């Protein structure tokens, strides 16, 4: 387990707390936690490059954590009736398609 992967795992583990704050709703806490989690993405990327600790697990988990964070926030905003569902559905389909294409491309390349 590398330090960058640990940061990514921590980010994934804190997403439910972000969702909780969003749906209570405590929007300032949710926004603050979202910012911290988004910044931690830059931190784990920096650490991976600086410590030369890139890994296949990190290359998979980091973008997955980003997608989970953003999509869960968007779904929460739908629940709060702040944004309509259709744009989120379109974004979600696009993100899943891109992730599927990347995953299948890696398998073909190997």
C-alpha atoms as a PDB file:
ATOM      1  CA  UNK A   1       0.000   0.000   0.000  1.00  0.00           C
ATOM      2  CA  UNK A   2       1.582   3.243  -1.146  1.00  0.00           C
ATOM      3  CA  UNK A   3       0.960   6.623   0.472  1.00  0.00           C
ATOM      4  CA  UNK A   4      -0.781   8.008  -2.638  1.00  0.00           C
ATOM      5  CA  UNK A   5      -3.107   4.981  -2.701  1.00  0.00           C
ATOM      6  CA  UNK A   6      -3.818   5.495   0.993  1.00  0.00           C
ATOM      7  CA  UNK A   7      -4.861   9.097   0.291  1.00  0.00           C
ATOM      8  CA  UNK A   8      -7.140   7.846  -2.495  1.00  0.00           C
ATOM      9  CA  UNK A   9      -8.704   5.204  -0.223  1.00  0.00           C
ATOM     10  CA  UNK A  10      -9.270   7.842   2.446  1.00  0.00           C
ATOM     11  CA  UNK A  11     -10.966  10.047  -0.152  1.00  0.00           C
ATOM     12  CA  UNK A  12     -13.287   7.182  -1.114  1.00  0.00           C
ATOM     13  CA  UNK A  13     -14.067   6.433   2.544  1.00  0.00           C
ATOM     14  CA  UNK A  14     -15.008  10.077   3.207  1.00  0.00           C
ATOM     15  CA  UNK A  15     -17.452  10.344   0.291  1.00  0.00           C
ATOM     16  CA  UNK A  16     -20.378   8.955   2.372  1.00  0.00           C
ATOM     17  CA  UNK A  17     -19.726  11.699   4.947  1.00  0.00           C
ATOM     18  CA  UNK A  18     -19.889  14.278   2.155  1.00  0.00           C
ATOM     19  CA  UNK A  19     -23.206  12.767   0.989  1.00  0.00           C
ATOM     20  CA  UNK A  20     -24.544  12.871   4.550  1.00  0.00           C
ATOM     21  CA  UNK A  21     -23.681  16.576   4.944  1.00  0.00           C
ATOM     22  CA  UNK A  22     -25.193  17.281   1.532  1.00  0.00           C
ATOM     23  CA  UNK A  23     -28.487  15.554   2.280  1.00  0.00           C
ATOM     24  CA  UNK A  24     -28.974  16.724   5.900  1.00  0.00           C
ATOM     25  CA  UNK A  25     -28.574  19.466   4.359  1.00  0.00           C
ATOM     26  CA  UNK A  26     -25.556  21.190   5.813  1.00  0.00           C
ATOM     27  CA  UNK A  27     -24.331  22.754   2.589  1.00  0.00           C
ATOM     28  CA  UNK A  28     -21.360  24.684   4.041  1.00  0.00           C
ATOM     29  CA  UNK A  29     -19.943  21.483   5.584  1.00  0.00           C
ATOM     30  CA  UNK A  30     -20.699  19.518   2.423  1.00  0.00           C
ATOM     31  CA  UNK A  31     -18.986  22.164   0.273  1.00  0.00           C
ATOM     32  CA  UNK A  32     -15.981  22.311   2.590  1.00  0.00           C
ATOM     33  CA  UNK A  33     -15.576  18.539   2.573  1.00  0.00           C
ATOM     34  CA  UNK A  34     -16.012  18.459  -1.205  1.00  0.00           C
ATOM     35  CA  UNK A  35     -13.205  21.002  -1.579  1.00  0.00           C
ATOM     36  CA  UNK A  36     -10.939  19.012   0.751  1.00  0.00           C
ATOM     37  CA  UNK A  37     -11.664  15.788  -1.128  1.00  0.00           C
ATOM     38  CA  UNK A  38     -11.095  17.481  -4.482  1.00  0.00           C
ATOM     39  CA  UNK A  39      -7.776  18.931  -3.286  1.00  0.00           C
ATOM     40  CA  UNK A  40      -6.720  15.527  -1.976  1.00  0.00           C
ATOM     41  CA  UNK A  41      -6.852  14.369  -5.600  1.00  0.00           C
ATOM     42  CA  UNK A  42      -4.031  16.785  -6.390  1.00  0.00           C
ATOM     43  CA  UNK A  43      -2.172  15.684  -3.267  1.00  0.00           C
ATOM     44  CA  UNK A  44      -2.212  11.991  -4.153  1.00  0.00           C
ATOM     45  CA  UNK A  45      -1.136  12.755  -7.715  1.00  0.00           C
ATOM     46  CA  UNK A  46       1.727  14.913  -6.470  1.00  0.00           C
ATOM     47  CA  UNK A  47       2.802  12.269  -3.955  1.00  0.00           C
ATOM     48  CA  UNK A  48       2.690   9.515  -6.564  1.00  0.00           C
ATOM     49  CA  UNK A  49       4.976  11.460  -8.886  1.00  0.00           C
ATOM     50  CA  UNK A  50       7.252  12.909  -6.202  1.00  0.00           C
ATOM     51  CA  UNK A  51       7.726   9.590  -4.381  1.00  0.00           C
ATOM     52  CA  UNK A  52       7.752   7.645  -7.651  1.00  0.00           C
ATOM     53  CA  UNK A  53       4.974   5.455  -6.283  1.00  0.00           C
ATOM     54  CA  UNK A  54       2.648   5.201  -9.245  1.00  0.00           C
ATOM     55  CA  UNK A  55       0.764   1.911  -9.442  1.00  0.00           C
ATOM     56  CA  UNK A  56      -1.843   0.212 -11.574  1.00  0.00           C
ATOM     57  CA  UNK A  57      -4.171   0.245  -8.568  1.00  0.00           C
ATOM     58  CA  UNK A  58      -3.696   4.004  -8.200  1.00  0.00           C
ATOM     59  CA  UNK A  59      -4.239   4.580 -11.918  1.00  0.00           C
ATOM     60  CA  UNK A  60      -7.576   2.775 -11.598  1.00  0.00           C
ATOM     61  CA  UNK A  61      -8.756   4.038  -8.188  1.00  0.00           C
ATOM     62  CA  UNK A  62      -7.895   7.726  -8.560  1.00  0.00           C
ATOM     63  CA  UNK A  63     -10.215   8.464 -11.498  1.00  0.00           C
ATOM     64  CA  UNK A  64     -12.839   6.157  -9.979  1.00  0.00           C
ATOM     65  CA  UNK A  65     -12.756   8.140  -6.724  1.00  0.00           C
ATOM     66  CA  UNK A  66     -13.123  11.376  -8.708  1.00  0.00           C
ATOM     67  CA  UNK A  67     -16.144  10.040 -10.577  1.00  0.00           C
ATOM     68  CA  UNK A  68     -17.788   8.716  -7.411  1.00  0.00           C
ATOM     69  CA  UNK A  69     -17.298  12.061  -5.662  1.00  0.00           C
ATOM     70  CA  UNK A  70     -18.639  14.211  -8.487  1.00  0.00           C
ATOM     71  CA  UNK A  71     -21.524  11.932  -9.435  1.00  0.00           C
ATOM     72  CA  UNK A  72     -22.631  11.435  -5.833  1.00  0.00           C
ATOM     73  CA  UNK A  73     -22.628  15.213  -5.377  1.00  0.00           C
ATOM     74  CA  UNK A  74     -24.687  15.685  -8.525  1.00  0.00           C
ATOM     75  CA  UNK A  75     -27.160  12.994  -7.459  1.00  0.00           C
ATOM     76  CA  UNK A  76     -27.439  14.685  -4.056  1.00  0.00           C
ATOM     77  CA  UNK A  77     -28.205  17.992  -5.760  1.00  0.00           C
ATOM     78  CA  UNK A  78     -30.974  16.255  -7.715  1.00  0.00           C
ATOM     79  CA  UNK A  79     -32.427  14.974  -4.449  1.00  0.00           C
ATOM     80  CA  UNK A  80     -32.352  18.510  -3.033  1.00  0.00           C
ATOM     81  CA  UNK A  81     -34.085  19.718  -6.216  1.00  0.00           C
ATOM     82  CA  UNK A  82     -31.264  22.146  -6.948  1.00  0.00           C
ATOM     83  CA  UNK A  83     -30.520  20.724 -10.406  1.00  0.00           C
ATOM     84  CA  UNK A  84     -32.608  18.683 -12.864  1.00  0.00           C
ATOM     85  CA  UNK A  85     -31.938  14.986 -13.377  1.00  0.00           C
ATOM     86  CA  UNK A  86     -31.481  14.907 -17.158  1.00  0.00           C
ATOM     87  CA  UNK A  87     -28.071  16.636 -17.330  1.00  0.00           C
ATOM     88  CA  UNK A  88     -26.799  14.379 -14.531  1.00  0.00           C
ATOM     89  CA  UNK A  89     -28.018  11.274 -16.359  1.00  0.00           C
ATOM     90  CA  UNK A  90     -26.194  12.429 -19.495  1.00  0.00           C
ATOM     91  CA  UNK A  91     -22.993  13.118 -17.532  1.00  0.00           C
ATOM     92  CA  UNK A  92     -23.265   9.754 -15.780  1.00  0.00           C
ATOM     93  CA  UNK A  93     -23.725   7.838 -19.053  1.00  0.00           C
ATOM     94  CA  UNK A  94     -20.761   9.658 -20.573  1.00  0.00           C
ATOM     95  CA  UNK A  95     -18.509   8.984 -17.578  1.00  0.00           C
ATOM     96  CA  UNK A  96     -19.427   5.303 -17.467  1.00  0.00           C
ATOM     97  CA  UNK A  97     -18.881   4.966 -21.220  1.00  0.00           C
ATOM     98  CA  UNK A  98     -15.472   6.647 -21.058  1.00  0.00           C
ATOM     99  CA  UNK A  99     -14.456   4.483 -18.099  1.00  0.00           C
ATOM    100  CA  UNK A 100     -15.626   1.353 -19.917  1.00  0.00           C
ATOM    101  CA  UNK A 101     -13.711   2.308 -23.044  1.00  0.00           C
ATOM    102  CA  UNK A 102     -10.550   3.015 -21.068  1.00  0.00           C
ATOM    103  CA  UNK A 103     -10.821  -0.277 -19.211  1.00  0.00           C
ATOM    104  CA  UNK A 104     -11.417  -2.287 -22.382  1.00  0.00           C
ATOM    105  CA  UNK A 105      -8.571  -0.419 -24.104  1.00  0.00           C
ATOM    106  CA  UNK A 106      -6.163  -1.421 -21.344  1.00  0.00           C
ATOM    107  CA  UNK A 107      -7.172  -5.062 -21.660  1.00  0.00           C
ATOM    108  CA  UNK A 108      -6.673  -4.995 -25.436  1.00  0.00           C
ATOM    109  CA  UNK A 109      -3.276  -3.298 -25.080  1.00  0.00           C
ATOM    110  CA  UNK A 110      -2.023  -5.929 -22.641  1.00  0.00           C
END
